[in-house]
Amino acid sequence: MVVTAYALAFGSLLLIGGRIGDYFGRKRALIAGLIGFALASAMAGLAQSFDVLVVARALQGAFGALLAPSRCRS
């Protein structure tokens, strides 16, 4: 269930993450994705219940979808 939350969020938001990177700039999208992913990771690490853990992993997937298309290209 935890892995599924991450995979569904990542897979379904990957195209939107690319569009956000095109619209706002790849550097801004990368920084926003890194900060969001770090906060979601902290939330997952501090989770006291299974529901909070699943939500945190879904947020990690969403911010991971923002990170993946924003990485630097040479």
N, C-alpha and C. Protein backbone atom coordinates (compact mmCIF):
# COMPACT_ATOMS: atom_id res chain seq x y z
N MET A 1 0.82 -1.20 0.00
CA MET A 1 0.00 0.00 0.00
C MET A 1 0.86 1.25 0.00
N VAL A 2 1.94 1.25 0.76
CA VAL A 2 2.80 2.43 0.84
C VAL A 2 3.52 2.66 -0.49
N VAL A 3 4.03 1.60 -1.07
CA VAL A 3 4.70 1.71 -2.36
C VAL A 3 3.71 2.09 -3.45
N THR A 4 2.51 1.58 -3.38
CA THR A 4 1.49 1.90 -4.36
C THR A 4 1.12 3.38 -4.32
N ALA A 5 1.05 3.97 -3.13
CA ALA A 5 0.75 5.40 -3.02
C ALA A 5 1.81 6.23 -3.72
N TYR A 6 3.08 5.87 -3.53
CA TYR A 6 4.17 6.58 -4.19
C TYR A 6 4.08 6.41 -5.71
N ALA A 7 3.93 5.17 -6.16
CA ALA A 7 3.95 4.88 -7.59
C ALA A 7 2.77 5.53 -8.31
N LEU A 8 1.59 5.50 -7.72
CA LEU A 8 0.43 6.12 -8.36
C LEU A 8 0.59 7.63 -8.46
N ALA A 9 1.05 8.26 -7.39
CA ALA A 9 1.24 9.71 -7.42
C ALA A 9 2.32 10.09 -8.43
N PHE A 10 3.42 9.36 -8.42
CA PHE A 10 4.52 9.66 -9.33
C PHE A 10 4.09 9.48 -10.78
N GLY A 11 3.52 8.34 -11.08
CA GLY A 11 3.15 8.04 -12.46
C GLY A 11 2.06 8.94 -13.01
N SER A 12 1.10 9.29 -12.18
CA SER A 12 -0.01 10.10 -12.68
C SER A 12 0.34 11.58 -12.79
N LEU A 13 1.33 12.05 -12.06
CA LEU A 13 1.67 13.47 -12.07
C LEU A 13 2.95 13.79 -12.83
N LEU A 14 3.56 12.80 -13.47
CA LEU A 14 4.83 13.02 -14.15
C LEU A 14 4.70 14.00 -15.32
N LEU A 15 3.66 13.89 -16.10
CA LEU A 15 3.47 14.83 -17.21
C LEU A 15 3.18 16.24 -16.71
N ILE A 16 2.43 16.34 -15.64
CA ILE A 16 2.14 17.66 -15.07
C ILE A 16 3.41 18.28 -14.50
N GLY A 17 4.27 17.45 -13.91
CA GLY A 17 5.55 17.96 -13.40
C GLY A 17 6.41 18.53 -14.51
N GLY A 18 6.41 17.88 -15.66
CA GLY A 18 7.15 18.40 -16.81
C GLY A 18 6.57 19.72 -17.30
N ARG A 19 5.26 19.80 -17.31
CA ARG A 19 4.60 21.05 -17.74
C ARG A 19 4.92 22.19 -16.77
N ILE A 20 4.92 21.90 -15.47
CA ILE A 20 5.26 22.92 -14.48
C ILE A 20 6.70 23.38 -14.67
N GLY A 21 7.60 22.43 -14.95
CA GLY A 21 8.99 22.79 -15.22
C GLY A 21 9.13 23.67 -16.45
N ASP A 22 8.35 23.42 -17.48
CA ASP A 22 8.38 24.26 -18.67
C ASP A 22 7.81 25.65 -18.40
N TYR A 23 6.78 25.70 -17.60
CA TYR A 23 6.09 26.96 -17.35
C TYR A 23 6.87 27.88 -16.40
N PHE A 24 7.34 27.32 -15.28
CA PHE A 24 8.01 28.13 -14.26
C PHE A 24 9.53 28.11 -14.36
N GLY A 25 10.06 27.23 -15.17
CA GLY A 25 11.51 27.10 -15.28
C GLY A 25 11.97 25.85 -14.55
N ARG A 26 12.96 25.19 -15.15
CA ARG A 26 13.43 23.92 -14.58
C ARG A 26 14.11 24.11 -13.23
N LYS A 27 14.85 25.19 -13.08
CA LYS A 27 15.56 25.41 -11.81
C LYS A 27 14.58 25.62 -10.66
N ARG A 28 13.56 26.43 -10.88
CA ARG A 28 12.56 26.66 -9.83
C ARG A 28 11.80 25.38 -9.50
N ALA A 29 11.47 24.61 -10.54
CA ALA A 29 10.75 23.36 -10.32
C ALA A 29 11.63 22.37 -9.55
N LEU A 30 12.92 22.34 -9.88
CA LEU A 30 13.84 21.45 -9.18
C LEU A 30 13.95 21.81 -7.71
N ILE A 31 14.10 23.09 -7.41
CA ILE A 31 14.22 23.52 -6.02
C ILE A 31 12.92 23.26 -5.26
N ALA A 32 11.78 23.56 -5.87
CA ALA A 32 10.49 23.29 -5.22
C ALA A 32 10.31 21.79 -4.99
N GLY A 33 10.70 20.98 -5.96
CA GLY A 33 10.60 19.53 -5.81
C GLY A 33 11.50 19.00 -4.71
N LEU A 34 12.72 19.53 -4.63
CA LEU A 34 13.64 19.09 -3.58
C LEU A 34 13.14 19.44 -2.19
N ILE A 35 12.66 20.67 -2.04
CA ILE A 35 12.15 21.10 -0.73
C ILE A 35 10.91 20.30 -0.35
N GLY A 36 9.99 20.13 -1.29
CA GLY A 36 8.77 19.36 -1.01
C GLY A 36 9.07 17.91 -0.69
N PHE A 37 10.00 17.31 -1.46
CA PHE A 37 10.36 15.92 -1.21
C PHE A 37 11.01 15.76 0.16
N ALA A 38 11.86 16.71 0.54
CA ALA A 38 12.50 16.65 1.85
C ALA A 38 11.47 16.78 2.98
N LEU A 39 10.53 17.69 2.83
CA LEU A 39 9.49 17.85 3.86
C LEU A 39 8.58 16.62 3.95
N ALA A 40 8.25 16.04 2.81
CA ALA A 40 7.43 14.83 2.80
C ALA A 40 8.20 13.66 3.41
N SER A 41 9.51 13.61 3.18
CA SER A 41 10.33 12.56 3.79
C SER A 41 10.38 12.70 5.30
N ALA A 42 10.49 13.94 5.77
CA ALA A 42 10.46 14.17 7.21
C ALA A 42 9.11 13.78 7.80
N MET A 43 8.06 14.10 7.08
CA MET A 43 6.71 13.73 7.52
C MET A 43 6.57 12.21 7.60
N ALA A 44 7.12 11.51 6.61
CA ALA A 44 7.05 10.04 6.62
C ALA A 44 7.88 9.47 7.76
N GLY A 45 9.02 10.08 8.02
CA GLY A 45 9.86 9.59 9.11
C GLY A 45 9.26 9.80 10.49
N LEU A 46 8.45 10.85 10.61
CA LEU A 46 7.84 11.17 11.90
C LEU A 46 6.40 10.65 12.03
N ALA A 47 5.94 9.90 11.05
CA ALA A 47 4.55 9.44 11.02
C ALA A 47 4.24 8.55 12.23
N GLN A 48 3.12 8.84 12.86
CA GLN A 48 2.69 8.08 14.02
C GLN A 48 1.61 7.07 13.67
N SER A 49 1.07 7.17 12.48
CA SER A 49 0.03 6.24 12.07
C SER A 49 0.25 5.84 10.61
N PHE A 50 -0.38 4.76 10.22
CA PHE A 50 -0.25 4.25 8.87
C PHE A 50 -0.83 5.22 7.85
N ASP A 51 -1.93 5.88 8.20
CA ASP A 51 -2.57 6.82 7.28
C ASP A 51 -1.65 8.00 6.96
N VAL A 52 -0.99 8.53 7.96
CA VAL A 52 -0.05 9.63 7.75
C VAL A 52 1.12 9.17 6.88
N LEU A 53 1.58 7.96 7.10
CA LEU A 53 2.67 7.41 6.29
C LEU A 53 2.27 7.30 4.82
N VAL A 54 1.07 6.83 4.55
CA VAL A 54 0.60 6.69 3.17
C VAL A 54 0.48 8.07 2.51
N VAL A 55 -0.05 9.04 3.23
CA VAL A 55 -0.16 10.40 2.68
C VAL A 55 1.22 10.98 2.41
N ALA A 56 2.16 10.77 3.32
CA ALA A 56 3.51 11.28 3.13
C ALA A 56 4.18 10.64 1.93
N ARG A 57 3.98 9.34 1.73
CA ARG A 57 4.57 8.67 0.57
C ARG A 57 3.92 9.15 -0.73
N ALA A 58 2.63 9.45 -0.69
CA ALA A 58 1.97 10.01 -1.87
C ALA A 58 2.53 11.40 -2.20
N LEU A 59 2.80 12.19 -1.17
CA LEU A 59 3.42 13.49 -1.38
C LEU A 59 4.83 13.35 -1.94
N GLN A 60 5.56 12.34 -1.46
CA GLN A 60 6.88 12.08 -2.03
C GLN A 60 6.77 11.76 -3.52
N GLY A 61 5.80 10.99 -3.89
CA GLY A 61 5.59 10.67 -5.29
C GLY A 61 5.25 11.90 -6.11
N ALA A 62 4.42 12.78 -5.56
CA ALA A 62 4.05 14.00 -6.26
C ALA A 62 5.26 14.91 -6.47
N PHE A 63 6.05 15.09 -5.43
CA PHE A 63 7.23 15.94 -5.57
C PHE A 63 8.32 15.25 -6.38
N GLY A 64 8.37 13.94 -6.35
CA GLY A 64 9.29 13.21 -7.21
C GLY A 64 8.93 13.40 -8.68
N ALA A 65 7.64 13.49 -8.97
CA ALA A 65 7.20 13.75 -10.33
C ALA A 65 7.57 15.15 -10.78
N LEU A 66 7.72 16.07 -9.85
CA LEU A 66 8.19 17.41 -10.17
C LEU A 66 9.70 17.42 -10.37
N LEU A 67 10.39 16.57 -9.63
CA LEU A 67 11.86 16.49 -9.73
C LEU A 67 12.34 15.82 -11.01
N ALA A 68 11.73 14.74 -11.40
CA ALA A 68 12.25 13.90 -12.49
C ALA A 68 12.43 14.66 -13.81
N PRO A 69 11.45 15.43 -14.28
CA PRO A 69 11.68 16.12 -15.54
C PRO A 69 12.52 17.39 -15.39
N SER A 70 12.80 17.81 -14.16
CA SER A 70 13.50 19.07 -13.92
C SER A 70 15.00 18.93 -13.80
N ARG A 71 15.50 17.70 -13.83
CA ARG A 71 16.93 17.54 -13.66
C ARG A 71 17.67 18.21 -14.81
N CYS A 72 18.88 18.60 -14.55
CA CYS A 72 19.67 19.36 -15.53
C CYS A 72 19.98 18.52 -16.75
N ARG A 73 19.94 19.15 -17.88
CA ARG A 73 20.27 18.50 -19.14
C ARG A 73 21.43 19.26 -19.77
N SER A 74 22.37 18.52 -20.32
CA SER A 74 23.52 19.19 -20.94
C SER A 74 23.49 19.07 -22.44
